[in-house]
Protein backbone atom coordinates (compact mmCIF):
# COMPACT_ATOMS: atom_id res chain seq x y z
CA MET A 1 0.51 14.32 -10.92
CA LYS A 2 3.87 15.15 -10.69
CA THR A 3 6.35 12.57 -10.03
CA SER A 4 8.78 14.88 -8.13
CA GLY A 5 8.79 17.18 -5.53
CA ASN A 6 6.49 15.34 -3.26
CA THR A 7 6.47 14.21 0.61
CA ILE A 8 5.01 10.50 0.46
CA PHE A 9 4.30 8.42 3.32
CA ILE A 10 4.36 4.64 2.74
CA SER A 11 3.23 2.38 5.13
CA GLY A 12 4.84 -1.02 4.83
CA GLY A 13 8.16 0.53 3.62
CA SER A 14 10.91 -1.13 5.20
CA ALA A 15 10.96 -4.27 2.92
CA GLY A 16 9.70 -6.02 0.04
CA ILE A 17 7.50 -3.43 -2.72
CA GLY A 18 7.50 -0.55 -0.02
CA LEU A 19 11.31 -0.42 0.09
CA ALA A 20 10.92 -0.47 -3.95
CA PHE A 21 8.62 2.24 -3.88
CA ALA A 22 10.82 4.41 -1.49
CA LYS A 23 13.93 4.22 -3.60
CA LYS A 24 12.44 4.67 -7.03
CA LEU A 25 10.69 8.00 -5.81
CA ILE A 26 13.91 9.08 -3.79
CA ALA A 27 15.23 8.72 -7.29
CA ALA A 28 12.82 10.77 -9.20
CA GLY A 29 13.29 13.65 -6.25
CA ASN A 30 10.75 12.82 -3.68
CA LYS A 31 10.91 13.17 0.24
CA VAL A 32 9.76 9.87 1.55
CA ILE A 33 8.98 9.10 5.25
CA ILE A 34 8.48 5.03 5.72
CA ASN A 35 6.81 2.92 7.93
CA GLY A 36 7.05 -0.47 9.70
CA ARG A 37 6.75 -2.33 12.78
CA SER A 38 9.99 -3.07 13.51
CA GLU A 39 12.38 -0.52 14.65
CA ASP A 40 15.17 -2.49 13.77
CA ARG A 41 14.14 -3.28 9.90
CA LEU A 42 13.19 0.49 9.36
CA GLN A 43 16.74 1.54 10.54
CA LYS A 44 18.30 -1.33 8.32
CA ALA A 45 16.19 0.34 5.49
CA LEU A 46 17.02 3.89 5.36
CA LYS A 47 20.76 2.75 5.39
CA GLU A 48 19.41 2.00 1.41
CA LEU A 49 17.68 5.29 1.42
CA ASP A 50 19.19 8.60 0.94
CA GLY A 51 17.54 11.27 2.82
CA ALA A 52 14.34 9.27 3.73
CA THR A 53 13.21 8.83 7.69
CA ALA A 54 10.83 6.83 9.62
CA ILE A 55 7.83 6.24 11.79
CA GLN A 56 7.76 3.47 13.83
CA GLY A 57 4.20 1.82 14.39
CA ASP A 58 1.79 -0.94 13.77
CA LEU A 59 -1.03 0.04 11.56
CA SER A 60 -3.58 -2.47 12.34
CA VAL A 61 -3.27 -0.95 15.86
CA SER A 62 -5.95 1.66 16.21
CA ALA A 63 -3.76 3.75 18.99
CA ASP A 64 -0.50 3.52 16.58
CA ARG A 65 -2.96 4.18 13.93
CA ILE A 66 -3.71 7.70 15.60
CA ARG A 67 0.00 8.74 16.96
CA ILE A 68 1.31 8.37 13.25
CA ALA A 69 -1.02 10.08 11.48
CA LYS A 70 -0.41 12.83 14.01
CA GLU A 71 3.19 12.63 13.98
CA LEU A 72 3.22 12.87 9.98
CA THR A 73 1.32 15.56 9.59
CA GLU A 74 2.59 17.63 12.18
CA GLN A 75 6.07 16.88 11.83
CA TYR A 76 5.55 16.94 8.05
CA PRO A 77 2.98 19.33 7.04
CA GLU A 78 4.17 18.94 3.33
CA VAL A 79 2.95 15.51 2.90
CA ASN A 80 0.73 15.11 -0.02
CA ILE A 81 0.75 11.54 -0.81
CA VAL A 82 -0.09 8.37 1.10
CA ILE A 83 0.87 4.73 -0.16
CA ASN A 84 -1.28 2.45 2.10
CA ASN A 85 0.76 -0.17 1.56
CA ALA A 86 1.58 -2.60 4.82
CA GLY A 87 -0.52 -5.90 4.58
CA ALA A 88 -0.78 -9.26 5.99
CA ALA A 89 -1.32 -12.56 4.00
CA PHE A 90 -1.88 -16.41 5.73
CA LEU A 91 -2.06 -19.51 3.47
CA ASN A 92 -5.48 -20.54 4.83
CA ASP A 93 -6.15 -23.93 4.11
CA LEU A 94 -10.42 -24.32 4.06
CA SER A 95 -10.73 -27.66 4.06
CA ASP A 96 -8.75 -28.13 7.36
CA ASN A 97 -11.09 -28.08 10.22
CA ALA A 98 -7.96 -27.46 12.90
CA ASN A 99 -7.00 -24.63 11.11
CA ASN A 100 -8.59 -21.55 12.59
CA ALA A 101 -9.58 -20.08 9.19
CA ALA A 102 -11.79 -17.34 10.99
CA GLU A 103 -8.69 -16.07 12.99
CA LYS A 104 -6.43 -16.01 10.17
CA ALA A 105 -8.91 -13.61 8.20
CA PHE A 106 -9.64 -11.60 10.68
CA GLN A 107 -6.10 -10.13 10.64
CA GLU A 108 -5.95 -9.96 6.99
CA ILE A 109 -9.05 -7.69 7.11
CA ASN A 110 -8.08 -5.74 9.93
CA THR A 111 -4.75 -4.68 8.31
CA ASN A 112 -5.50 -4.98 4.51
CA TYR A 113 -8.98 -3.46 4.81
CA LEU A 114 -10.08 -1.61 8.23
CA SER A 115 -6.95 0.00 9.25
CA VAL A 116 -6.66 1.43 5.70
CA ILE A 117 -10.11 3.10 5.85
CA ASP A 118 -9.20 4.40 9.12
CA PHE A 119 -5.80 5.80 8.69
CA THR A 120 -7.34 7.03 5.26
CA GLN A 121 -9.70 8.75 7.29
CA LEU A 122 -7.10 10.35 9.62
CA VAL A 123 -5.09 11.77 7.17
CA LEU A 124 -7.14 12.97 4.46
CA PRO A 125 -8.25 16.22 6.05
CA HIS A 126 -4.40 17.23 5.48
CA LEU A 127 -4.27 15.64 2.17
CA LEU A 128 -7.24 17.88 1.14
CA LYS A 129 -5.52 21.35 2.46
CA GLN A 130 -2.81 20.19 0.05
CA LYS A 131 -2.44 21.74 -3.29
CA GLU A 132 -1.93 17.95 -5.13
CA ALA A 133 -2.35 15.34 -2.86
CA ALA A 134 -3.11 11.44 -3.83
CA VAL A 135 -4.08 8.43 -1.92
CA VAL A 136 -2.38 5.28 -3.20
CA ASN A 137 -4.04 1.71 -2.22
CA VAL A 138 -1.96 -1.13 -2.67
CA THR A 139 -4.27 -4.08 -3.55
CA SER A 140 -3.23 -7.27 -5.39
CA ILE A 141 -4.32 -9.66 -8.54
CA ALA A 142 -5.96 -11.56 -6.13
CA ALA A 143 -8.92 -8.89 -5.89
CA PHE A 144 -10.14 -10.40 -9.01
CA ARG A 145 -9.95 -14.12 -8.17
CA GLY A 146 -9.81 -15.98 -4.87
CA ASN A 147 -7.88 -18.89 -4.81
CA LYS A 148 -7.49 -22.17 -2.10
CA TYR A 149 -4.09 -21.06 -0.75
CA LEU A 150 -4.86 -17.44 -0.26
CA PRO A 151 -9.27 -17.46 -0.19
CA THR A 152 -9.31 -14.89 2.48
CA TYR A 153 -6.43 -12.78 2.02
CA SER A 154 -7.76 -12.49 -2.05
CA ALA A 155 -11.18 -11.58 -0.07
CA SER A 156 -9.54 -8.66 2.07
CA LYS A 157 -8.08 -7.01 -0.93
CA ALA A 158 -11.12 -7.40 -3.32
CA ALA A 159 -13.12 -5.35 -0.71
CA LEU A 160 -9.71 -2.82 -0.59
CA HIS A 161 -10.67 -2.40 -4.13
CA SER A 162 -13.97 -1.98 -3.63
CA TYR A 163 -13.62 0.60 -1.27
CA THR A 164 -11.05 2.39 -3.23
CA GLN A 165 -13.42 3.01 -6.14
CA GLY A 166 -15.60 4.53 -3.68
CA LEU A 167 -13.45 6.91 -2.50
CA ARG A 168 -12.48 7.91 -5.60
CA ASP A 169 -16.61 8.20 -6.71
CA THR A 170 -16.48 10.23 -3.54
CA PHE A 171 -13.94 12.96 -4.48
CA GLU A 172 -14.34 12.50 -8.53
CA GLU A 173 -15.00 16.65 -7.99
CA THR A 174 -12.36 16.89 -5.57
CA PRO A 175 -9.45 18.70 -8.23
CA ASN A 176 -6.57 18.67 -5.91
CA LEU A 177 -6.57 15.25 -4.69
CA SER A 178 -6.22 11.93 -6.85
CA ILE A 179 -7.05 8.30 -5.57
CA TYR A 180 -4.92 5.35 -7.41
CA GLU A 181 -5.02 1.94 -6.99
CA ILE A 182 -1.67 -0.36 -8.11
CA TYR A 183 -2.44 -4.26 -8.43
CA PRO A 184 0.90 -5.99 -8.23
CA PRO A 185 0.88 -9.94 -9.39
CA LEU A 186 3.29 -12.15 -7.46
CA VAL A 187 6.05 -10.23 -6.35
CA ASN A 188 9.25 -11.77 -5.59
CA THR A 189 9.80 -10.57 -1.54
CA GLU A 190 10.00 -12.22 1.84
CA PHE A 191 6.31 -11.27 1.92
CA SER A 192 5.48 -14.20 -0.61
CA ALA A 193 8.04 -16.56 0.35
CA GLU A 194 5.84 -19.07 1.46
CA ILE A 195 3.75 -19.12 -1.56
CA GLY A 196 6.24 -18.98 -4.46
CA GLY A 197 7.32 -15.43 -4.56
CA ALA A 198 10.77 -16.56 -5.79
CA ASN A 199 8.86 -17.07 -9.04
CA GLY A 200 7.52 -13.77 -8.89
CA ILE A 201 8.81 -10.16 -10.85
CA PRO A 202 11.09 -7.95 -8.84
CA PRO A 203 9.60 -5.26 -6.69
CA SER A 204 11.25 -2.54 -8.91
CA GLU A 205 8.90 -3.62 -11.66
CA VAL A 206 6.23 -2.67 -9.39
CA ALA A 207 7.54 0.72 -8.62
CA ASP A 208 8.75 1.45 -11.97
CA GLU A 209 4.58 0.92 -13.18
CA LEU A 210 3.82 3.14 -10.08
CA VAL A 211 6.00 5.95 -10.89
CA LEU A 212 4.79 6.31 -14.96
CA GLY A 213 0.96 5.74 -13.71
CA LEU A 214 1.13 8.79 -11.28
CA GLU A 215 2.84 10.74 -14.47
CA LYS A 216 -0.01 9.86 -16.78
CA ASN A 217 -2.78 9.98 -13.88
CA GLN A 218 -3.52 6.57 -14.54
CA PHE A 219 -6.05 5.54 -11.51
CA ASP A 220 -5.87 1.93 -11.83
CA ILE A 221 -2.28 0.48 -12.08
CA LEU A 222 -2.13 -2.84 -13.48
CA VAL A 223 1.21 -4.55 -13.18
CA GLY A 224 2.68 -7.27 -15.11
CA GLU A 225 0.18 -10.26 -15.09
CA SER A 226 -2.76 -8.11 -13.62
CA LYS A 227 -2.68 -6.46 -17.09
CA THR A 228 -4.74 -9.67 -17.90
CA PHE A 229 -7.67 -8.35 -16.01
CA SER A 230 -8.11 -5.44 -17.26
CA ASP A 231 -11.58 -5.69 -18.28
CA LYS A 232 -12.10 -6.52 -14.68
CA ILE A 233 -12.25 -2.66 -13.50
């Protein structure tokens, strides 16, 4: 797929991996629209992004998803790539009876899985009209194996991984739409600070791999330690 001249929407684009994606894709010659829940954080991010714009809203909320999809496709009719990057994660000790494991899991499943399905469905009719389009779902190394620290987050990413494979199969015979999945390992961001993110790779490394994967039409983009799970795809 071409890596320049696109108009790209990035959810969770005001910080971390999403912001790194935005910087890299702008440098490659693309127009970028970032999304996030906090207007203040969006405005701060825009100061680092030459020519980018933003749509504020919480994609985990149905009414916001509908509004964002409408605003995106009406104000940016040339949008042809959607990167589903926004996520939620909680440390979830399943041995602690006082821990509300199900509530944490509900928020993760809603944000990381169900909301992605719904938002993708809202924008797909528009993407299918483009000469060349793509959906990029950001899953995780955690999609391959859960752990005691993030068991329900891992489950939500495993669900997104399975959905992404099904979405790819569904549009396999649609030449103008490609479905990508990128699998970051532990990344040094504010999002992962609680689980030792300082030991992770820089977000820019994930962004570099994304652009390389798009260029090579590599639909499963393994990053860093995730490459050890290549036999699981």
